[in-house]
Amino acid sequence: MRNRNAKERYLEILSFQHFVKFTTFTTDGDDFRNKVLKNKIDVSVVLDLECVDMFMQWIE
């Protein structure tokens, strides 16, 4: 299949926060020793849509 005028689009279908305690490390220059306690994770569910112009294929 030939891709002509392909465009990528993301369609967000769901967005929520998952509440959980976890530890992560942040950077301070080259130092990764900064420990931070987090309480939530932002979650986003998306669909990757690819729109292709198929008009020229039907003509050929």
C-alpha atoms as a PDB file:
ATOM      1  CA  MET A   1       0.000   0.000   0.000  1.00  0.00           C
ATOM      2  CA  ARG A   2       1.288   3.445  -0.835  1.00  0.00           C
ATOM      3  CA  ASN A   3       1.242   6.107   1.852  1.00  0.00           C
ATOM      4  CA  ARG A   4       0.313   9.433   0.335  1.00  0.00           C
ATOM      5  CA  ASN A   5      -0.277  12.480   2.505  1.00  0.00           C
ATOM      6  CA  ALA A   6      -0.144  10.405   5.689  1.00  0.00           C
ATOM      7  CA  LYS A   7      -0.812  12.296   8.908  1.00  0.00           C
ATOM      8  CA  GLU A   8      -0.493  11.010  12.456  1.00  0.00           C
ATOM      9  CA  ARG A   9      -3.128  11.919  15.000  1.00  0.00           C
ATOM     10  CA  TYR A  10      -3.679  10.783  18.545  1.00  0.00           C
ATOM     11  CA  LEU A  11      -7.209  10.454  19.878  1.00  0.00           C
ATOM     12  CA  GLU A  12      -7.406  10.428  23.673  1.00  0.00           C
ATOM     13  CA  ILE A  13     -10.218   8.140  24.783  1.00  0.00           C
ATOM     14  CA  LEU A  14      -9.534   7.973  28.523  1.00  0.00           C
ATOM     15  CA  SER A  15      -7.578  10.023  31.043  1.00  0.00           C
ATOM     16  CA  PHE A  16      -7.382   9.303  34.780  1.00  0.00           C
ATOM     17  CA  GLN A  17      -5.110   9.252  37.821  1.00  0.00           C
ATOM     18  CA  HIS A  18      -4.053   6.001  39.473  1.00  0.00           C
ATOM     19  CA  PHE A  19      -3.351   6.557  43.166  1.00  0.00           C
ATOM     20  CA  VAL A  20      -0.437   4.494  44.425  1.00  0.00           C
ATOM     21  CA  LYS A  21       2.622   5.260  46.546  1.00  0.00           C
ATOM     22  CA  PHE A  22       5.982   4.729  44.853  1.00  0.00           C
ATOM     23  CA  THR A  23       9.500   6.093  44.978  1.00  0.00           C
ATOM     24  CA  THR A  24      11.277   7.734  42.065  1.00  0.00           C
ATOM     25  CA  PHE A  25      14.593   9.468  41.609  1.00  0.00           C
ATOM     26  CA  THR A  26      14.994  12.957  40.189  1.00  0.00           C
ATOM     27  CA  THR A  27      18.118  14.454  38.690  1.00  0.00           C
ATOM     28  CA  ASP A  28      20.133  17.348  40.035  1.00  0.00           C
ATOM     29  CA  GLY A  29      22.751  17.843  37.337  1.00  0.00           C
ATOM     30  CA  ASP A  30      24.611  14.536  37.060  1.00  0.00           C
ATOM     31  CA  ASP A  31      23.428  13.346  40.496  1.00  0.00           C
ATOM     32  CA  PHE A  32      20.488  10.855  40.527  1.00  0.00           C
ATOM     33  CA  ARG A  33      20.305  10.509  44.314  1.00  0.00           C
ATOM     34  CA  ASN A  34      17.307  12.750  44.932  1.00  0.00           C
ATOM     35  CA  LYS A  35      14.640  10.318  46.165  1.00  0.00           C
ATOM     36  CA  VAL A  36      11.019  11.529  45.882  1.00  0.00           C
ATOM     37  CA  LEU A  37       7.866   9.817  47.166  1.00  0.00           C
ATOM     38  CA  LYS A  38       4.969  10.071  44.669  1.00  0.00           C
ATOM     39  CA  ASN A  39       1.296   9.367  45.371  1.00  0.00           C
ATOM     40  CA  LYS A  40      -0.243   9.122  41.898  1.00  0.00           C
ATOM     41  CA  ILE A  41       0.402   8.282  38.247  1.00  0.00           C
ATOM     42  CA  ASP A  42      -1.305  10.187  35.406  1.00  0.00           C
ATOM     43  CA  VAL A  43      -2.631   7.704  32.824  1.00  0.00           C
ATOM     44  CA  SER A  44      -3.755   8.558  29.313  1.00  0.00           C
ATOM     45  CA  VAL A  45      -5.184   5.964  26.887  1.00  0.00           C
ATOM     46  CA  VAL A  46      -4.884   7.047  23.249  1.00  0.00           C
ATOM     47  CA  LEU A  47      -5.522   5.663  19.782  1.00  0.00           C
ATOM     48  CA  ASP A  48      -2.899   6.275  17.103  1.00  0.00           C
ATOM     49  CA  LEU A  49      -4.844   7.224  13.965  1.00  0.00           C
ATOM     50  CA  GLU A  50      -3.270   7.321  10.534  1.00  0.00           C
ATOM     51  CA  CYS A  51      -5.228   9.169   7.859  1.00  0.00           C
ATOM     52  CA  VAL A  52      -4.234   8.428   4.272  1.00  0.00           C
ATOM     53  CA  ASP A  53      -5.608   9.960   1.089  1.00  0.00           C
ATOM     54  CA  MET A  54      -6.718   6.953  -0.997  1.00  0.00           C
ATOM     55  CA  PHE A  55      -8.357   8.951  -3.800  1.00  0.00           C
ATOM     56  CA  MET A  56      -5.486   8.584  -6.295  1.00  0.00           C
ATOM     57  CA  GLN A  57      -5.355   4.808  -5.712  1.00  0.00           C
ATOM     58  CA  TRP A  58      -8.999   4.451  -6.827  1.00  0.00           C
ATOM     59  CA  ILE A  59      -8.355   6.419 -10.023  1.00  0.00           C
ATOM     60  CA  GLU A  60      -5.429   4.230 -11.133  1.00  0.00           C
END
